[in-house]
Amino acid sequence: MPEEKSHTYQFPKSERLTGKITIDRLYKNGVTIKKFPLKLIFIELEKPEDVPLQCVMSVPKRLYKRAVDRNLLKRRMREAYRHLKGDSITKIKELNRSYAIMFVYLGKNIDEQSSVQAAMDVCLRKFNEQLDEKNRA
């Protein structure tokens, strides 16, 4: 029998957060984790969804006027997330919960993929630590 993977390096549509109401709740009630040049905002969803973790990437138009630059940064953030999300999804599935998260790019310069990935790794590790704390409580 082929061995089942715990996660795949994909970011399917079902994992993308698109609901305006949920995104507004993220801004109003979300818990924030910062690691320059990224900020992670997350909330627990009331009812567990089929997908344990839904994510959205944001780059402020105020900092990057050109859509080409915003799209480049969002593409780099999605790529980093795709590679690093596995541990978080596994942990959330164990807890039988569902979360919505948002990554906001804060930097004034367009960073390389490696620095975006390093910052995202730190953010997701801190997110996992907070999940552990919440599970203990």
C-alpha atoms as a PDB file:
ATOM      1  CA  MET A   1       0.000   0.000   0.000  1.00  0.00           C
ATOM      2  CA  PRO A   2       1.286   3.469  -0.766  1.00  0.00           C
ATOM      3  CA  GLU A   3       2.048   5.540   2.297  1.00  0.00           C
ATOM      4  CA  GLU A   4      -0.275   8.501   2.869  1.00  0.00           C
ATOM      5  CA  LYS A   5       1.338  11.921   3.089  1.00  0.00           C
ATOM      6  CA  SER A   6       0.487  14.048   6.088  1.00  0.00           C
ATOM      7  CA  HIS A   7       0.296  17.090   3.820  1.00  0.00           C
ATOM      8  CA  THR A   8       0.925  18.091   0.268  1.00  0.00           C
ATOM      9  CA  TYR A   9       2.738  21.129  -1.023  1.00  0.00           C
ATOM     10  CA  GLN A  10      -0.367  22.607  -2.599  1.00  0.00           C
ATOM     11  CA  PHE A  11      -2.554  25.608  -1.925  1.00  0.00           C
ATOM     12  CA  PRO A  12      -5.956  24.610  -3.336  1.00  0.00           C
ATOM     13  CA  LYS A  13      -8.916  26.945  -3.655  1.00  0.00           C
ATOM     14  CA  SER A  14     -10.623  25.320  -0.687  1.00  0.00           C
ATOM     15  CA  GLU A  15      -7.800  26.586   1.580  1.00  0.00           C
ATOM     16  CA  ARG A  16      -8.077  30.163   0.350  1.00  0.00           C
ATOM     17  CA  LEU A  17     -10.024  32.543   2.526  1.00  0.00           C
ATOM     18  CA  THR A  18     -12.399  34.660   0.459  1.00  0.00           C
ATOM     19  CA  GLY A  19     -15.287  35.599   2.754  1.00  0.00           C
ATOM     20  CA  LYS A  20     -15.469  39.331   3.461  1.00  0.00           C
ATOM     21  CA  ILE A  21     -17.160  38.807   6.830  1.00  0.00           C
ATOM     22  CA  THR A  22     -14.403  36.478   8.048  1.00  0.00           C
ATOM     23  CA  ILE A  23     -11.677  38.826   6.785  1.00  0.00           C
ATOM     24  CA  ASP A  24     -13.334  41.751   8.617  1.00  0.00           C
ATOM     25  CA  ARG A  25     -13.438  39.622  11.796  1.00  0.00           C
ATOM     26  CA  LEU A  26      -9.727  38.901  11.351  1.00  0.00           C
ATOM     27  CA  TYR A  27      -8.953  42.627  11.359  1.00  0.00           C
ATOM     28  CA  LYS A  28     -11.239  43.389  14.319  1.00  0.00           C
ATOM     29  CA  ASN A  29     -10.748  40.385  16.628  1.00  0.00           C
ATOM     30  CA  GLY A  30      -7.664  38.601  15.357  1.00  0.00           C
ATOM     31  CA  VAL A  31      -4.582  37.709  17.361  1.00  0.00           C
ATOM     32  CA  THR A  32      -1.430  39.190  15.803  1.00  0.00           C
ATOM     33  CA  ILE A  33       2.049  37.719  15.441  1.00  0.00           C
ATOM     34  CA  LYS A  34       4.749  39.882  13.834  1.00  0.00           C
ATOM     35  CA  LYS A  35       8.069  38.949  12.319  1.00  0.00           C
ATOM     36  CA  PHE A  36       9.312  41.601   9.931  1.00  0.00           C
ATOM     37  CA  PRO A  37       8.426  41.832   7.034  1.00  0.00           C
ATOM     38  CA  LEU A  38       5.267  39.780   7.782  1.00  0.00           C
ATOM     39  CA  LYS A  39       2.355  40.021  10.157  1.00  0.00           C
ATOM     40  CA  LEU A  40       0.152  36.989  10.849  1.00  0.00           C
ATOM     41  CA  ILE A  41      -3.406  37.542  12.081  1.00  0.00           C
ATOM     42  CA  PHE A  42      -5.551  34.571  13.086  1.00  0.00           C
ATOM     43  CA  ILE A  43      -8.907  33.672  14.600  1.00  0.00           C
ATOM     44  CA  GLU A  44     -10.599  30.412  15.434  1.00  0.00           C
ATOM     45  CA  LEU A  45     -13.716  29.744  13.408  1.00  0.00           C
ATOM     46  CA  GLU A  46     -16.893  28.835  15.318  1.00  0.00           C
ATOM     47  CA  LYS A  47     -17.763  25.661  13.487  1.00  0.00           C
ATOM     48  CA  PRO A  48     -15.033  23.335  12.273  1.00  0.00           C
ATOM     49  CA  GLU A  49     -14.835  23.499   8.489  1.00  0.00           C
ATOM     50  CA  ASP A  50     -13.842  20.709   6.116  1.00  0.00           C
ATOM     51  CA  VAL A  51     -10.571  22.582   5.711  1.00  0.00           C
ATOM     52  CA  PRO A  52      -8.720  23.108   9.013  1.00  0.00           C
ATOM     53  CA  LEU A  53      -6.827  26.220   7.907  1.00  0.00           C
ATOM     54  CA  GLN A  54      -7.926  28.918   5.471  1.00  0.00           C
ATOM     55  CA  CYS A  55      -5.457  31.609   4.476  1.00  0.00           C
ATOM     56  CA  VAL A  56      -5.340  34.946   2.662  1.00  0.00           C
ATOM     57  CA  MET A  57      -2.309  37.054   1.651  1.00  0.00           C
ATOM     58  CA  SER A  58      -2.371  40.841   1.640  1.00  0.00           C
ATOM     59  CA  VAL A  59       0.027  43.517   0.424  1.00  0.00           C
ATOM     60  CA  PRO A  60      -1.069  47.115   1.133  1.00  0.00           C
ATOM     61  CA  LYS A  61      -1.704  49.304  -1.873  1.00  0.00           C
ATOM     62  CA  ARG A  62      -0.494  52.222   0.228  1.00  0.00           C
ATOM     63  CA  LEU A  63       3.047  50.754   0.263  1.00  0.00           C
ATOM     64  CA  TYR A  64       3.103  49.319  -3.267  1.00  0.00           C
ATOM     65  CA  LYS A  65       1.255  51.355  -5.840  1.00  0.00           C
ATOM     66  CA  ARG A  66       2.042  49.057  -8.751  1.00  0.00           C
ATOM     67  CA  ALA A  67      -0.037  45.889  -8.984  1.00  0.00           C
ATOM     68  CA  VAL A  68       2.972  44.052 -10.435  1.00  0.00           C
ATOM     69  CA  ASP A  69       4.878  44.550  -7.168  1.00  0.00           C
ATOM     70  CA  ARG A  70       1.915  43.543  -4.993  1.00  0.00           C
ATOM     71  CA  ASN A  71       1.369  40.402  -7.050  1.00  0.00           C
ATOM     72  CA  LEU A  72       5.058  39.480  -6.870  1.00  0.00           C
ATOM     73  CA  LEU A  73       5.047  39.723  -3.078  1.00  0.00           C
ATOM     74  CA  LYS A  74       1.784  37.774  -2.748  1.00  0.00           C
ATOM     75  CA  ARG A  75       3.211  35.075  -5.019  1.00  0.00           C
ATOM     76  CA  ARG A  76       6.326  34.822  -2.823  1.00  0.00           C
ATOM     77  CA  MET A  77       4.185  34.646   0.320  1.00  0.00           C
ATOM     78  CA  ARG A  78       1.965  31.922  -1.160  1.00  0.00           C
ATOM     79  CA  GLU A  79       5.001  29.893  -2.178  1.00  0.00           C
ATOM     80  CA  ALA A  80       6.515  30.104   1.308  1.00  0.00           C
ATOM     81  CA  TYR A  81       3.170  29.232   2.923  1.00  0.00           C
ATOM     82  CA  ARG A  82       2.708  26.259   0.628  1.00  0.00           C
ATOM     83  CA  HIS A  83       5.990  24.754   1.845  1.00  0.00           C
ATOM     84  CA  LEU A  84       5.598  25.557   5.550  1.00  0.00           C
ATOM     85  CA  LYS A  85       1.910  24.959   6.332  1.00  0.00           C
ATOM     86  CA  GLY A  86       2.138  21.200   6.964  1.00  0.00           C
ATOM     87  CA  ASP A  87       2.896  21.251  10.707  1.00  0.00           C
ATOM     88  CA  SER A  88       0.137  23.759  11.428  1.00  0.00           C
ATOM     89  CA  ILE A  89      -2.480  21.774   9.518  1.00  0.00           C
ATOM     90  CA  THR A  90      -1.493  18.549  11.285  1.00  0.00           C
ATOM     91  CA  LYS A  91      -1.731  20.220  14.699  1.00  0.00           C
ATOM     92  CA  ILE A  92      -5.135  21.795  13.950  1.00  0.00           C
ATOM     93  CA  LYS A  93      -6.518  18.474  12.687  1.00  0.00           C
ATOM     94  CA  GLU A  94      -5.430  16.841  15.964  1.00  0.00           C
ATOM     95  CA  LEU A  95      -7.304  19.540  17.892  1.00  0.00           C
ATOM     96  CA  ASN A  96     -10.374  19.148  15.633  1.00  0.00           C
ATOM     97  CA  ARG A  97     -10.624  22.898  15.128  1.00  0.00           C
ATOM     98  CA  SER A  98     -10.631  25.319  12.238  1.00  0.00           C
ATOM     99  CA  TYR A  99      -8.725  28.612  11.864  1.00  0.00           C
ATOM    100  CA  ALA A 100      -8.624  31.553   9.472  1.00  0.00           C
ATOM    101  CA  ILE A 101      -5.268  33.267   9.029  1.00  0.00           C
ATOM    102  CA  MET A 102      -4.059  36.313   7.136  1.00  0.00           C
ATOM    103  CA  PHE A 103      -0.519  37.286   6.215  1.00  0.00           C
ATOM    104  CA  VAL A 104       0.119  41.003   5.678  1.00  0.00           C
ATOM    105  CA  TYR A 105       3.365  42.193   4.115  1.00  0.00           C
ATOM    106  CA  LEU A 106       4.810  45.115   6.112  1.00  0.00           C
ATOM    107  CA  GLY A 107       8.174  45.754   4.448  1.00  0.00           C
ATOM    108  CA  LYS A 108       8.880  48.836   2.395  1.00  0.00           C
ATOM    109  CA  ASN A 109      11.302  46.958   0.113  1.00  0.00           C
ATOM    110  CA  ILE A 110      10.612  43.944  -2.068  1.00  0.00           C
ATOM    111  CA  ASP A 111      12.435  41.152  -0.235  1.00  0.00           C
ATOM    112  CA  GLU A 112      13.864  37.981  -1.686  1.00  0.00           C
ATOM    113  CA  GLN A 113      12.012  34.680  -1.393  1.00  0.00           C
ATOM    114  CA  SER A 114      14.418  33.436   1.295  1.00  0.00           C
ATOM    115  CA  SER A 115      13.706  36.291   3.721  1.00  0.00           C
ATOM    116  CA  VAL A 116       9.951  36.000   3.171  1.00  0.00           C
ATOM    117  CA  GLN A 117      10.159  32.259   3.810  1.00  0.00           C
ATOM    118  CA  ALA A 118      12.262  32.737   6.968  1.00  0.00           C
ATOM    119  CA  ALA A 119       9.794  35.282   8.379  1.00  0.00           C
ATOM    120  CA  MET A 120       6.847  33.035   7.546  1.00  0.00           C
ATOM    121  CA  ASP A 121       8.554  30.091   9.227  1.00  0.00           C
ATOM    122  CA  VAL A 122       8.930  32.103  12.447  1.00  0.00           C
ATOM    123  CA  CYS A 123       5.306  33.300  12.275  1.00  0.00           C
ATOM    124  CA  LEU A 124       3.949  29.787  11.752  1.00  0.00           C
ATOM    125  CA  ARG A 125       6.123  28.378  14.568  1.00  0.00           C
ATOM    126  CA  LYS A 126       4.767  31.051  16.940  1.00  0.00           C
ATOM    127  CA  PHE A 127       1.244  30.240  15.712  1.00  0.00           C
ATOM    128  CA  ASN A 128       1.851  26.549  16.525  1.00  0.00           C
ATOM    129  CA  GLU A 129       3.114  27.511  20.001  1.00  0.00           C
ATOM    130  CA  GLN A 130      -0.061  29.488  20.630  1.00  0.00           C
ATOM    131  CA  LEU A 131      -2.126  26.496  19.509  1.00  0.00           C
ATOM    132  CA  ASP A 132      -0.237  24.356  22.035  1.00  0.00           C
ATOM    133  CA  GLU A 133      -0.884  26.890  24.809  1.00  0.00           C
ATOM    134  CA  LYS A 134      -4.570  27.046  23.943  1.00  0.00           C
ATOM    135  CA  ASN A 135      -4.763  23.254  23.921  1.00  0.00           C
ATOM    136  CA  ARG A 136      -3.214  23.046  27.403  1.00  0.00           C
ATOM    137  CA  ALA A 137      -5.612  25.637  28.842  1.00  0.00           C
END
